[in-house]
Amino acid sequence: MQSESSDDRKSWSIPRPIGVWGFPSHLLRLRDGRLLMTYSYRRPPRGNHARLSTDHGRTWSNPFVLSDDGVGNLGYPSTVELPNGRLLTLWCESPHPGSHPAQLPPPPFSVLRLARWRLG
């Protein structure tokens, strides 16, 4: 779902479907003016995707798969554009789905993962 504001975030439009399944998303305005959305995809194969908009978010491209090997809970991607034009996306991921036996030490709650990538 997507909602827009035309009055500097004082009010928002009614959310409308945009044909993207995934959450939570992160938006980044690239230096060339395009809008990049990165988001977690929590259906098999679990991972993180990205989409581009060349019309300020009115429409979105097909997804770019940044990762598709998630095993546990994952999400909250954040992307930056590096000085050389490459992109760096960082997200957290719990590598252990479900619970573990009480007699074992708990697995790490989460780890940070990243992808360095470039738009084609």
PDB file of N, CA and C in Angstrom:
ATOM      1  N   MET A   1       0.845  -1.172   0.000  1.00  0.00           N
ATOM      2  CA  MET A   1       0.000   0.000   0.000  1.00  0.00           C
ATOM      3  C   MET A   1       0.893   1.239   0.000  1.00  0.00           C
ATOM      4  N   GLN A   2       0.377   2.297  -0.577  1.00  0.00           N
ATOM      5  CA  GLN A   2       1.137   3.542  -0.657  1.00  0.00           C
ATOM      6  C   GLN A   2       0.199   4.712  -0.412  1.00  0.00           C
ATOM      7  N   SER A   3       0.717   5.701   0.287  1.00  0.00           N
ATOM      8  CA  SER A   3      -0.028   6.909   0.585  1.00  0.00           C
ATOM      9  C   SER A   3       0.866   8.098   0.259  1.00  0.00           C
ATOM     10  N   GLU A   4       0.287   9.187  -0.238  1.00  0.00           N
ATOM     11  CA  GLU A   4       1.055  10.370  -0.621  1.00  0.00           C
ATOM     12  C   GLU A   4       0.587  11.594   0.144  1.00  0.00           C
ATOM     13  N   SER A   5       1.502  12.553   0.284  1.00  0.00           N
ATOM     14  CA  SER A   5       1.175  13.836   0.889  1.00  0.00           C
ATOM     15  C   SER A   5       1.545  14.933  -0.102  1.00  0.00           C
ATOM     16  N   SER A   6       0.658  15.895  -0.256  1.00  0.00           N
ATOM     17  CA  SER A   6       0.941  17.034  -1.138  1.00  0.00           C
ATOM     18  C   SER A   6       1.051  18.336  -0.348  1.00  0.00           C
ATOM     19  N   ASP A   7       1.049  18.240   0.982  1.00  0.00           N
ATOM     20  CA  ASP A   7       1.117  19.437   1.828  1.00  0.00           C
ATOM     21  C   ASP A   7       2.196  19.300   2.911  1.00  0.00           C
ATOM     22  N   ASP A   8       3.354  18.817   2.497  1.00  0.00           N
ATOM     23  CA  ASP A   8       4.507  18.687   3.400  1.00  0.00           C
ATOM     24  C   ASP A   8       4.178  17.818   4.615  1.00  0.00           C
ATOM     25  N   ARG A   9       3.521  16.687   4.398  1.00  0.00           N
ATOM     26  CA  ARG A   9       3.235  15.670   5.402  1.00  0.00           C
ATOM     27  C   ARG A   9       2.194  16.084   6.448  1.00  0.00           C
ATOM     28  N   LYS A  10       1.410  17.111   6.158  1.00  0.00           N
ATOM     29  CA  LYS A  10       0.349  17.498   7.098  1.00  0.00           C
ATOM     30  C   LYS A  10      -0.851  16.563   6.980  1.00  0.00           C
ATOM     31  N   SER A  11      -1.116  16.083   5.793  1.00  0.00           N
ATOM     32  CA  SER A  11      -2.202  15.127   5.575  1.00  0.00           C
ATOM     33  C   SER A  11      -1.750  14.128   4.510  1.00  0.00           C
ATOM     34  N   TRP A  12      -2.431  12.986   4.489  1.00  0.00           N
ATOM     35  CA  TRP A  12      -2.037  11.893   3.599  1.00  0.00           C
ATOM     36  C   TRP A  12      -3.244  11.363   2.847  1.00  0.00           C
ATOM     37  N   SER A  13      -3.003  10.877   1.649  1.00  0.00           N
ATOM     38  CA  SER A  13      -4.067  10.263   0.861  1.00  0.00           C
ATOM     39  C   SER A  13      -4.436   8.906   1.475  1.00  0.00           C
ATOM     40  N   ILE A  14      -5.591   8.411   1.067  1.00  0.00           N
ATOM     41  CA  ILE A  14      -6.005   7.067   1.476  1.00  0.00           C
ATOM     42  C   ILE A  14      -5.027   6.079   0.837  1.00  0.00           C
ATOM     43  N   PRO A  15      -4.506   5.123   1.600  1.00  0.00           N
ATOM     44  CA  PRO A  15      -3.567   4.151   1.028  1.00  0.00           C
ATOM     45  C   PRO A  15      -4.190   3.400  -0.143  1.00  0.00           C
ATOM     46  N   ARG A  16      -3.361   3.179  -1.170  1.00  0.00           N
ATOM     47  CA  ARG A  16      -3.820   2.454  -2.361  1.00  0.00           C
ATOM     48  C   ARG A  16      -2.833   1.328  -2.666  1.00  0.00           C
ATOM     49  N   PRO A  17      -3.315   0.235  -3.215  1.00  0.00           N
ATOM     50  CA  PRO A  17      -2.409  -0.865  -3.555  1.00  0.00           C
ATOM     51  C   PRO A  17      -1.504  -0.479  -4.726  1.00  0.00           C
ATOM     52  N   ILE A  18      -0.252  -0.922  -4.659  1.00  0.00           N
ATOM     53  CA  ILE A  18       0.702  -0.633  -5.742  1.00  0.00           C
ATOM     54  C   ILE A  18       1.274  -1.911  -6.355  1.00  0.00           C
ATOM     55  N   GLY A  19       0.739  -3.066  -5.969  1.00  0.00           N
ATOM     56  CA  GLY A  19       1.194  -4.315  -6.573  1.00  0.00           C
ATOM     57  C   GLY A  19       2.516  -4.821  -6.045  1.00  0.00           C
ATOM     58  N   VAL A  20       2.900  -4.397  -4.856  1.00  0.00           N
ATOM     59  CA  VAL A  20       4.155  -4.840  -4.244  1.00  0.00           C
ATOM     60  C   VAL A  20       3.808  -5.561  -2.957  1.00  0.00           C
ATOM     61  N   TRP A  21       4.318  -6.782  -2.794  1.00  0.00           N
ATOM     62  CA  TRP A  21       4.135  -7.479  -1.535  1.00  0.00           C
ATOM     63  C   TRP A  21       5.470  -7.489  -0.814  1.00  0.00           C
ATOM     64  N   GLY A  22       5.522  -6.916   0.345  1.00  0.00           N
ATOM     65  CA  GLY A  22       6.740  -6.883   1.141  1.00  0.00           C
ATOM     66  C   GLY A  22       6.699  -5.731   2.110  1.00  0.00           C
ATOM     67  N   PHE A  23       7.457  -5.870   3.189  1.00  0.00           N
ATOM     68  CA  PHE A  23       7.496  -4.831   4.212  1.00  0.00           C
ATOM     69  C   PHE A  23       8.657  -5.108   5.138  1.00  0.00           C
ATOM     70  N   PRO A  24       9.094  -4.181   5.914  1.00  0.00           N
ATOM     71  CA  PRO A  24       8.871  -2.754   5.746  1.00  0.00           C
ATOM     72  C   PRO A  24       9.738  -2.229   4.619  1.00  0.00           C
ATOM     73  N   SER A  25       9.356  -1.116   4.061  1.00  0.00           N
ATOM     74  CA  SER A  25      10.114  -0.584   2.930  1.00  0.00           C
ATOM     75  C   SER A  25      10.931   0.636   3.348  1.00  0.00           C
ATOM     76  N   HIS A  26      11.952   0.885   2.561  1.00  0.00           N
ATOM     77  CA  HIS A  26      12.806   2.059   2.752  1.00  0.00           C
ATOM     78  C   HIS A  26      12.858   2.774   1.411  1.00  0.00           C
ATOM     79  N   LEU A  27      12.681   4.091   1.422  1.00  0.00           N
ATOM     80  CA  LEU A  27      12.725   4.883   0.193  1.00  0.00           C
ATOM     81  C   LEU A  27      13.976   5.738   0.176  1.00  0.00           C
ATOM     82  N   LEU A  28      14.589   5.818  -0.989  1.00  0.00           N
ATOM     83  CA  LEU A  28      15.798   6.626  -1.177  1.00  0.00           C
ATOM     84  C   LEU A  28      15.678   7.368  -2.499  1.00  0.00           C
ATOM     85  N   ARG A  29      15.869   8.675  -2.462  1.00  0.00           N
ATOM     86  CA  ARG A  29      15.934   9.466  -3.697  1.00  0.00           C
ATOM     87  C   ARG A  29      17.379   9.390  -4.179  1.00  0.00           C
ATOM     88  N   LEU A  30      17.582   8.796  -5.348  1.00  0.00           N
ATOM     89  CA  LEU A  30      18.923   8.676  -5.914  1.00  0.00           C
ATOM     90  C   LEU A  30      19.392  10.019  -6.462  1.00  0.00           C
ATOM     91  N   ARG A  31      20.693  10.138  -6.637  1.00  0.00           N
ATOM     92  CA  ARG A  31      21.243  11.408  -7.152  1.00  0.00           C
ATOM     93  C   ARG A  31      20.676  11.782  -8.512  1.00  0.00           C
ATOM     94  N   ASP A  32      20.305  10.782  -9.320  1.00  0.00           N
ATOM     95  CA  ASP A  32      19.758  11.079 -10.644  1.00  0.00           C
ATOM     96  C   ASP A  32      18.256  11.389 -10.612  1.00  0.00           C
ATOM     97  N   GLY A  33      17.656  11.425  -9.407  1.00  0.00           N
ATOM     98  CA  GLY A  33      16.259  11.790  -9.263  1.00  0.00           C
ATOM     99  C   GLY A  33      15.300  10.618  -9.156  1.00  0.00           C
ATOM    100  N   ARG A  34      15.733   9.422  -9.533  1.00  0.00           N
ATOM    101  CA  ARG A  34      14.848   8.269  -9.411  1.00  0.00           C
ATOM    102  C   ARG A  34      14.623   7.937  -7.936  1.00  0.00           C
ATOM    103  N   LEU A  35      13.531   7.245  -7.681  1.00  0.00           N
ATOM    104  CA  LEU A  35      13.192   6.830  -6.331  1.00  0.00           C
ATOM    105  C   LEU A  35      13.415   5.325  -6.222  1.00  0.00           C
ATOM    106  N   LEU A  36      14.157   4.918  -5.201  1.00  0.00           N
ATOM    107  CA  LEU A  36      14.460   3.506  -4.980  1.00  0.00           C
ATOM    108  C   LEU A  36      13.739   3.036  -3.725  1.00  0.00           C
ATOM    109  N   MET A  37      13.017   1.926  -3.846  1.00  0.00           N
ATOM    110  CA  MET A  37      12.356   1.305  -2.703  1.00  0.00           C
ATOM    111  C   MET A  37      13.018  -0.045  -2.460  1.00  0.00           C
ATOM    112  N   THR A  38      13.515  -0.260  -1.243  1.00  0.00           N
ATOM    113  CA  THR A  38      13.992  -1.586  -0.846  1.00  0.00           C
ATOM    114  C   THR A  38      13.057  -2.091   0.236  1.00  0.00           C
ATOM    115  N   TYR A  39      12.807  -3.406   0.231  1.00  0.00           N
ATOM    116  CA  TYR A  39      11.854  -3.985   1.170  1.00  0.00           C
ATOM    117  C   TYR A  39      12.144  -5.461   1.365  1.00  0.00           C
ATOM    118  N   SER A  40      11.675  -5.984   2.478  1.00  0.00           N
ATOM    119  CA  SER A  40      11.841  -7.397   2.782  1.00  0.00           C
ATOM    120  C   SER A  40      10.701  -8.191   2.170  1.00  0.00           C
ATOM    121  N   TYR A  41      11.053  -9.334   1.635  1.00  0.00           N
ATOM    122  CA  TYR A  41      10.091 -10.240   1.019  1.00  0.00           C
ATOM    123  C   TYR A  41      10.029 -11.469   1.908  1.00  0.00           C
ATOM    124  N   ARG A  42       8.931 -11.617   2.651  1.00  0.00           N
ATOM    125  CA  ARG A  42       8.845 -12.644   3.687  1.00  0.00           C
ATOM    126  C   ARG A  42       8.000 -13.840   3.256  1.00  0.00           C
ATOM    127  N   ARG A  43       8.129 -14.187   1.993  1.00  0.00           N
ATOM    128  CA  ARG A  43       7.539 -15.409   1.449  1.00  0.00           C
ATOM    129  C   ARG A  43       8.670 -16.167   0.767  1.00  0.00           C
ATOM    130  N   PRO A  44       8.586 -17.509   0.705  1.00  0.00           N
ATOM    131  CA  PRO A  44       9.677 -18.248   0.048  1.00  0.00           C
ATOM    132  C   PRO A  44       9.811 -17.850  -1.422  1.00  0.00           C
ATOM    133  N   PRO A  45      11.010 -17.685  -1.912  1.00  0.00           N
ATOM    134  CA  PRO A  45      12.264 -17.640  -1.156  1.00  0.00           C
ATOM    135  C   PRO A  45      12.397 -16.284  -0.455  1.00  0.00           C
ATOM    136  N   ARG A  46      12.608 -16.321   0.846  1.00  0.00           N
ATOM    137  CA  ARG A  46      12.660 -15.122   1.685  1.00  0.00           C
ATOM    138  C   ARG A  46      13.922 -14.317   1.382  1.00  0.00           C
ATOM    139  N   GLY A  47      13.780 -13.005   1.367  1.00  0.00           N
ATOM    140  CA  GLY A  47      14.943 -12.167   1.103  1.00  0.00           C
ATOM    141  C   GLY A  47      14.567 -10.701   1.045  1.00  0.00           C
ATOM    142  N   ASN A  48      15.296  -9.962   0.233  1.00  0.00           N
ATOM    143  CA  ASN A  48      15.074  -8.526   0.084  1.00  0.00           C
ATOM    144  C   ASN A  48      15.029  -8.168  -1.390  1.00  0.00           C
ATOM    145  N   HIS A  49      14.140  -7.266  -1.712  1.00  0.00           N
ATOM    146  CA  HIS A  49      13.946  -6.828  -3.099  1.00  0.00           C
ATOM    147  C   HIS A  49      14.079  -5.314  -3.181  1.00  0.00           C
ATOM    148  N   ALA A  50      14.212  -4.833  -4.407  1.00  0.00           N
ATOM    149  CA  ALA A  50      14.248  -3.392  -4.668  1.00  0.00           C
ATOM    150  C   ALA A  50      13.424  -3.117  -5.922  1.00  0.00           C
ATOM    151  N   ARG A  51      12.872  -1.925  -5.997  1.00  0.00           N
ATOM    152  CA  ARG A  51      12.139  -1.454  -7.175  1.00  0.00           C
ATOM    153  C   ARG A  51      12.484   0.005  -7.402  1.00  0.00           C
ATOM    154  N   LEU A  52      12.384   0.412  -8.655  1.00  0.00           N
ATOM    155  CA  LEU A  52      12.670   1.793  -9.042  1.00  0.00           C
ATOM    156  C   LEU A  52      11.414   2.481  -9.541  1.00  0.00           C
ATOM    157  N   SER A  53      11.361   3.777  -9.306  1.00  0.00           N
ATOM    158  CA  SER A  53      10.310   4.604  -9.881  1.00  0.00           C
ATOM    159  C   SER A  53      10.967   5.798 -10.574  1.00  0.00           C
ATOM    160  N   THR A  54      10.550   6.048 -11.796  1.00  0.00           N
ATOM    161  CA  THR A  54      11.054   7.209 -12.542  1.00  0.00           C
ATOM    162  C   THR A  54      10.024   8.337 -12.571  1.00  0.00           C
ATOM    163  N   ASP A  55       8.863   8.116 -11.916  1.00  0.00           N
ATOM    164  CA  ASP A  55       7.804   9.128 -11.919  1.00  0.00           C
ATOM    165  C   ASP A  55       7.377   9.481 -10.484  1.00  0.00           C
ATOM    166  N   HIS A  56       8.351   9.583  -9.604  1.00  0.00           N
ATOM    167  CA  HIS A  56       8.138  10.031  -8.222  1.00  0.00           C
ATOM    168  C   HIS A  56       7.200   9.125  -7.432  1.00  0.00           C
ATOM    169  N   GLY A  57       7.236   7.820  -7.723  1.00  0.00           N
ATOM    170  CA  GLY A  57       6.458   6.856  -6.956  1.00  0.00           C
ATOM    171  C   GLY A  57       5.078   6.553  -7.480  1.00  0.00           C
ATOM    172  N   ARG A  58       4.710   7.117  -8.633  1.00  0.00           N
ATOM    173  CA  ARG A  58       3.391   6.795  -9.189  1.00  0.00           C
ATOM    174  C   ARG A  58       3.352   5.353  -9.696  1.00  0.00           C
ATOM    175  N   THR A  59       4.455   4.899 -10.308  1.00  0.00           N
ATOM    176  CA  THR A  59       4.559   3.512 -10.767  1.00  0.00           C
ATOM    177  C   THR A  59       5.925   2.975 -10.360  1.00  0.00           C
ATOM    178  N   TRP A  60       6.019   1.647 -10.298  1.00  0.00           N
ATOM    179  CA  TRP A  60       7.249   0.979  -9.848  1.00  0.00           C
ATOM    180  C   TRP A  60       7.663  -0.100 -10.835  1.00  0.00           C
ATOM    181  N   SER A  61       8.965  -0.310 -10.944  1.00  0.00           N
ATOM    182  CA  SER A  61       9.516  -1.334 -11.833  1.00  0.00           C
ATOM    183  C   SER A  61       9.241  -2.730 -11.277  1.00  0.00           C
ATOM    184  N   ASN A  62       9.584  -3.719 -12.061  1.00  0.00           N
ATOM    185  CA  ASN A  62       9.615  -5.085 -11.562  1.00  0.00           C
ATOM    186  C   ASN A  62      10.705  -5.172 -10.499  1.00  0.00           C
ATOM    187  N   PRO A  63      10.647  -6.175  -9.615  1.00  0.00           N
ATOM    188  CA  PRO A  63      11.630  -6.230  -8.528  1.00  0.00           C
ATOM    189  C   PRO A  63      13.018  -6.673  -8.979  1.00  0.00           C
ATOM    190  N   PHE A  64      14.013  -6.137  -8.285  1.00  0.00           N
ATOM    191  CA  PHE A  64      15.387  -6.621  -8.348  1.00  0.00           C
ATOM    192  C   PHE A  64      15.569  -7.459  -7.082  1.00  0.00           C
ATOM    193  N   VAL A  65      16.040  -8.684  -7.192  1.00  0.00           N
ATOM    194  CA  VAL A  65      16.250  -9.526  -6.018  1.00  0.00           C
ATOM    195  C   VAL A  65      17.643  -9.243  -5.467  1.00  0.00           C
ATOM    196  N   LEU A  66      17.699  -8.761  -4.230  1.00  0.00           N
ATOM    197  CA  LEU A  66      18.975  -8.485  -3.575  1.00  0.00           C
ATOM    198  C   LEU A  66      19.463  -9.687  -2.780  1.00  0.00           C
ATOM    199  N   SER A  67      18.539 -10.433  -2.213  1.00  0.00           N
ATOM    200  CA  SER A  67      18.871 -11.669  -1.495  1.00  0.00           C
ATOM    201  C   SER A  67      17.654 -12.578  -1.563  1.00  0.00           C
ATOM    202  N   ASP A  68      17.911 -13.887  -1.559  1.00  0.00           N
ATOM    203  CA  ASP A  68      16.799 -14.847  -1.573  1.00  0.00           C
ATOM    204  C   ASP A  68      17.133 -16.085  -0.753  1.00  0.00           C
ATOM    205  N   ASP A  69      17.978 -15.904   0.261  1.00  0.00           N
ATOM    206  CA  ASP A  69      18.422 -17.040   1.071  1.00  0.00           C
ATOM    207  C   ASP A  69      18.107 -16.864   2.553  1.00  0.00           C
ATOM    208  N   GLY A  70      17.103 -16.054   2.882  1.00  0.00           N
ATOM    209  CA  GLY A  70      16.745 -15.842   4.283  1.00  0.00           C
ATOM    210  C   GLY A  70      16.114 -17.089   4.874  1.00  0.00           C
ATOM    211  N   VAL A  71      16.465 -17.416   6.114  1.00  0.00           N
ATOM    212  CA  VAL A  71      15.909 -18.598   6.765  1.00  0.00           C
ATOM    213  C   VAL A  71      15.014 -18.252   7.950  1.00  0.00           C
ATOM    214  N   GLY A  72      15.230 -17.142   8.568  1.00  0.00           N
ATOM    215  CA  GLY A  72      14.441 -16.745   9.733  1.00  0.00           C
ATOM    216  C   GLY A  72      13.681 -15.467   9.443  1.00  0.00           C
ATOM    217  N   ASN A  73      13.458 -14.720  10.498  1.00  0.00           N
ATOM    218  CA  ASN A  73      12.802 -13.428  10.342  1.00  0.00           C
ATOM    219  C   ASN A  73      13.800 -12.427   9.777  1.00  0.00           C
ATOM    220  N   LEU A  74      13.379 -11.604   8.852  1.00  0.00           N
ATOM    221  CA  LEU A  74      14.290 -10.629   8.274  1.00  0.00           C
ATOM    222  C   LEU A  74      13.535  -9.356   7.971  1.00  0.00           C
ATOM    223  N   GLY A  75      14.290  -8.266   7.864  1.00  0.00           N
ATOM    224  CA  GLY A  75      13.610  -7.038   7.511  1.00  0.00           C
ATOM    225  C   GLY A  75      14.383  -5.778   7.809  1.00  0.00           C
ATOM    226  N   TYR A  76      13.667  -4.696   7.675  1.00  0.00           N
ATOM    227  CA  TYR A  76      14.152  -3.348   7.930  1.00  0.00           C
ATOM    228  C   TYR A  76      15.368  -2.997   7.082  1.00  0.00           C
ATOM    229  N   PRO A  77      15.286  -3.200   5.765  1.00  0.00           N
ATOM    230  CA  PRO A  77      16.420  -2.821   4.917  1.00  0.00           C
ATOM    231  C   PRO A  77      16.563  -1.306   4.849  1.00  0.00           C
ATOM    232  N   SER A  78      17.784  -0.888   4.710  1.00  0.00           N
ATOM    233  CA  SER A  78      18.094   0.525   4.532  1.00  0.00           C
ATOM    234  C   SER A  78      19.189   0.610   3.480  1.00  0.00           C
ATOM    235  N   THR A  79      19.048   1.525   2.531  1.00  0.00           N
ATOM    236  CA  THR A  79      19.975   1.610   1.403  1.00  0.00           C
ATOM    237  C   THR A  79      20.588   2.995   1.331  1.00  0.00           C
ATOM    238  N   VAL A  80      21.864   3.037   0.982  1.00  0.00           N
ATOM    239  CA  VAL A  80      22.561   4.296   0.715  1.00  0.00           C
ATOM    240  C   VAL A  80      23.205   4.199  -0.658  1.00  0.00           C
ATOM    241  N   GLU A  81      23.353   5.347  -1.297  1.00  0.00           N
ATOM    242  CA  GLU A  81      24.051   5.434  -2.574  1.00  0.00           C
ATOM    243  C   GLU A  81      25.475   5.893  -2.274  1.00  0.00           C
ATOM    244  N   LEU A  82      26.439   5.097  -2.662  1.00  0.00           N
ATOM    245  CA  LEU A  82      27.847   5.407  -2.405  1.00  0.00           C
ATOM    246  C   LEU A  82      28.361   6.415  -3.432  1.00  0.00           C
ATOM    247  N   PRO A  83      29.472   7.091  -3.128  1.00  0.00           N
ATOM    248  CA  PRO A  83      30.008   8.096  -4.062  1.00  0.00           C
ATOM    249  C   PRO A  83      30.294   7.557  -5.465  1.00  0.00           C
ATOM    250  N   ASN A  84      30.635   6.258  -5.567  1.00  0.00           N
ATOM    251  CA  ASN A  84      30.931   5.681  -6.879  1.00  0.00           C
ATOM    252  C   ASN A  84      29.681   5.220  -7.633  1.00  0.00           C
ATOM    253  N   GLY A  85      28.484   5.496  -7.074  1.00  0.00           N
ATOM    254  CA  GLY A  85      27.239   5.123  -7.745  1.00  0.00           C
ATOM    255  C   GLY A  85      26.707   3.762  -7.345  1.00  0.00           C
ATOM    256  N   ARG A  86      27.525   2.959  -6.682  1.00  0.00           N
ATOM    257  CA  ARG A  86      27.041   1.660  -6.212  1.00  0.00           C
ATOM    258  C   ARG A  86      26.091   1.880  -5.042  1.00  0.00           C
ATOM    259  N   LEU A  87      25.329   0.845  -4.722  1.00  0.00           N
ATOM    260  CA  LEU A  87      24.359   0.901  -3.630  1.00  0.00           C
ATOM    261  C   LEU A  87      24.756  -0.102  -2.560  1.00  0.00           C
ATOM    262  N   LEU A  88      24.445   0.232  -1.335  1.00  0.00           N
ATOM    263  CA  LEU A  88      24.699  -0.654  -0.207  1.00  0.00           C
ATOM    264  C   LEU A  88      23.395  -0.778   0.562  1.00  0.00           C
ATOM    265  N   THR A  89      22.899  -1.991   0.679  1.00  0.00           N
ATOM    266  CA  THR A  89      21.667  -2.250   1.427  1.00  0.00           C
ATOM    267  C   THR A  89      22.008  -3.120   2.619  1.00  0.00           C
ATOM    268  N   LEU A  90      21.553  -2.697   3.792  1.00  0.00           N
ATOM    269  CA  LEU A  90      21.810  -3.386   5.054  1.00  0.00           C
ATOM    270  C   LEU A  90      20.467  -3.767   5.658  1.00  0.00           C
ATOM    271  N   TRP A  91      20.372  -4.980   6.223  1.00  0.00           N
ATOM    272  CA  TRP A  91      19.148  -5.414   6.882  1.00  0.00           C
ATOM    273  C   TRP A  91      19.494  -6.341   8.038  1.00  0.00           C
ATOM    274  N   CYS A  92      18.536  -6.557   8.923  1.00  0.00           N
ATOM    275  CA  CYS A  92      18.747  -7.493  10.022  1.00  0.00           C
ATOM    276  C   CYS A  92      18.033  -8.791   9.686  1.00  0.00           C
ATOM    277  N   GLU A  93      18.575  -9.871  10.246  1.00  0.00           N
ATOM    278  CA  GLU A  93      18.007 -11.185   9.976  1.00  0.00           C
ATOM    279  C   GLU A  93      18.267 -12.091  11.169  1.00  0.00           C
ATOM    280  N   SER A  94      17.243 -12.796  11.597  1.00  0.00           N
ATOM    281  CA  SER A  94      17.393 -13.807  12.626  1.00  0.00           C
ATOM    282  C   SER A  94      17.678 -15.116  11.913  1.00  0.00           C
ATOM    283  N   PRO A  95      18.861 -15.690  12.110  1.00  0.00           N
ATOM    284  CA  PRO A  95      19.221 -16.878  11.344  1.00  0.00           C
ATOM    285  C   PRO A  95      18.536 -18.151  11.804  1.00  0.00           C
ATOM    286  N   HIS A  96      17.817 -18.114  12.923  1.00  0.00           N
ATOM    287  CA  HIS A  96      17.215 -19.322  13.471  1.00  0.00           C
ATOM    288  C   HIS A  96      15.708 -19.172  13.579  1.00  0.00           C
ATOM    289  N   PRO A  97      14.964 -19.842  12.694  1.00  0.00           N
ATOM    290  CA  PRO A  97      13.511 -19.761  12.800  1.00  0.00           C
ATOM    291  C   PRO A  97      13.022 -20.562  14.004  1.00  0.00           C
ATOM    292  N   GLY A  98      11.951 -20.143  14.607  1.00  0.00           N
ATOM    293  CA  GLY A  98      11.332 -20.903  15.685  1.00  0.00           C
ATOM    294  C   GLY A  98      12.092 -20.836  16.992  1.00  0.00           C
ATOM    295  N   SER A  99      11.731 -21.736  17.892  1.00  0.00           N
ATOM    296  CA  SER A  99      12.344 -21.756  19.220  1.00  0.00           C
ATOM    297  C   SER A  99      13.463 -22.789  19.270  1.00  0.00           C
ATOM    298  N   HIS A 100      14.160 -22.821  20.375  1.00  0.00           N
ATOM    299  CA  HIS A 100      15.261 -23.760  20.568  1.00  0.00           C
ATOM    300  C   HIS A 100      15.096 -24.418  21.936  1.00  0.00           C
ATOM    301  N   PRO A 101      15.690 -25.608  22.150  1.00  0.00           N
ATOM    302  CA  PRO A 101      15.550 -26.285  23.447  1.00  0.00           C
ATOM    303  C   PRO A 101      16.136 -25.445  24.573  1.00  0.00           C
ATOM    304  N   ALA A 102      15.486 -25.491  25.743  1.00  0.00           N
ATOM    305  CA  ALA A 102      15.885 -24.661  26.885  1.00  0.00           C
ATOM    306  C   ALA A 102      17.276 -24.999  27.391  1.00  0.00           C
ATOM    307  N   GLN A 103      17.752 -26.225  27.197  1.00  0.00           N
ATOM    308  CA  GLN A 103      19.062 -26.594  27.726  1.00  0.00           C
ATOM    309  C   GLN A 103      20.213 -26.078  26.856  1.00  0.00           C
ATOM    310  N   LEU A 104      19.923 -25.561  25.689  1.00  0.00           N
ATOM    311  CA  LEU A 104      20.961 -25.030  24.811  1.00  0.00           C
ATOM    312  C   LEU A 104      21.046 -23.521  24.966  1.00  0.00           C
ATOM    313  N   PRO A 105      22.235 -22.943  24.744  1.00  0.00           N
ATOM    314  CA  PRO A 105      22.312 -21.475  24.784  1.00  0.00           C
ATOM    315  C   PRO A 105      21.465 -20.895  23.657  1.00  0.00           C
ATOM    316  N   PRO A 106      20.873 -19.748  23.891  1.00  0.00           N
ATOM    317  CA  PRO A 106      20.022 -19.162  22.842  1.00  0.00           C
ATOM    318  C   PRO A 106      20.853 -18.770  21.624  1.00  0.00           C
ATOM    319  N   PRO A 107      20.271 -18.933  20.441  1.00  0.00           N
ATOM    320  CA  PRO A 107      20.973 -18.492  19.233  1.00  0.00           C
ATOM    321  C   PRO A 107      21.022 -16.963  19.198  1.00  0.00           C
ATOM    322  N   PRO A 108      21.896 -16.407  18.391  1.00  0.00           N
ATOM    323  CA  PRO A 108      21.898 -14.942  18.297  1.00  0.00           C
ATOM    324  C   PRO A 108      20.523 -14.452  17.866  1.00  0.00           C
ATOM    325  N   PHE A 109      20.112 -13.358  18.458  1.00  0.00           N
ATOM    326  CA  PHE A 109      18.794 -12.822  18.117  1.00  0.00           C
ATOM    327  C   PHE A 109      18.750 -12.411  16.663  1.00  0.00           C
ATOM    328  N   SER A 110      19.760 -11.689  16.233  1.00  0.00           N
ATOM    329  CA  SER A 110      19.792 -11.285  14.828  1.00  0.00           C
ATOM    330  C   SER A 110      21.214 -10.948  14.424  1.00  0.00           C
ATOM    331  N   VAL A 111      21.403 -10.932  13.139  1.00  0.00           N
ATOM    332  CA  VAL A 111      22.677 -10.537  12.555  1.00  0.00           C
ATOM    333  C   VAL A 111      22.392  -9.453  11.531  1.00  0.00           C
ATOM    334  N   LEU A 112      23.411  -8.692  11.200  1.00  0.00           N
ATOM    335  CA  LEU A 112      23.287  -7.709  10.132  1.00  0.00           C
ATOM    336  C   LEU A 112      23.867  -8.312   8.867  1.00  0.00           C
ATOM    337  N   ARG A 113      23.151  -8.162   7.772  1.00  0.00           N
ATOM    338  CA  ARG A 113      23.633  -8.620   6.466  1.00  0.00           C
ATOM    339  C   ARG A 113      23.614  -7.431   5.527  1.00  0.00           C
ATOM    340  N   LEU A 114      24.403  -7.532   4.473  1.00  0.00           N
ATOM    341  CA  LEU A 114      24.405  -6.437   3.493  1.00  0.00           C
ATOM    342  C   LEU A 114      24.618  -6.958   2.099  1.00  0.00           C
ATOM    343  N   ALA A 115      24.205  -6.144   1.156  1.00  0.00           N
ATOM    344  CA  ALA A 115      24.423  -6.415  -0.263  1.00  0.00           C
ATOM    345  C   ALA A 115      24.990  -5.145  -0.875  1.00  0.00           C
ATOM    346  N   ARG A 116      26.086  -5.297  -1.600  1.00  0.00           N
ATOM    347  CA  ARG A 116      26.638  -4.204  -2.408  1.00  0.00           C
ATOM    348  C   ARG A 116      26.212  -4.497  -3.831  1.00  0.00           C
ATOM    349  N   TRP A 117      25.602  -3.523  -4.472  1.00  0.00           N
ATOM    350  CA  TRP A 117      25.059  -3.789  -5.801  1.00  0.00           C
ATOM    351  C   TRP A 117      24.997  -2.523  -6.622  1.00  0.00           C
ATOM    352  N   ARG A 118      24.693  -2.699  -7.899  1.00  0.00           N
ATOM    353  CA  ARG A 118      24.612  -1.585  -8.836  1.00  0.00           C
ATOM    354  C   ARG A 118      23.359  -1.789  -9.683  1.00  0.00           C
ATOM    355  N   LEU A 119      22.690  -0.709  -9.970  1.00  0.00           N
ATOM    356  CA  LEU A 119      21.538  -0.774 -10.878  1.00  0.00           C
ATOM    357  C   LEU A 119      22.039  -1.014 -12.290  1.00  0.00           C
ATOM    358  N   GLY A 120      21.346  -1.889 -13.002  1.00  0.00           N
ATOM    359  CA  GLY A 120      21.746  -2.232 -14.366  1.00  0.00           C
ATOM    360  C   GLY A 120      21.522  -1.161 -15.296  1.00  0.00           C
TER     361      GLY A 120
END
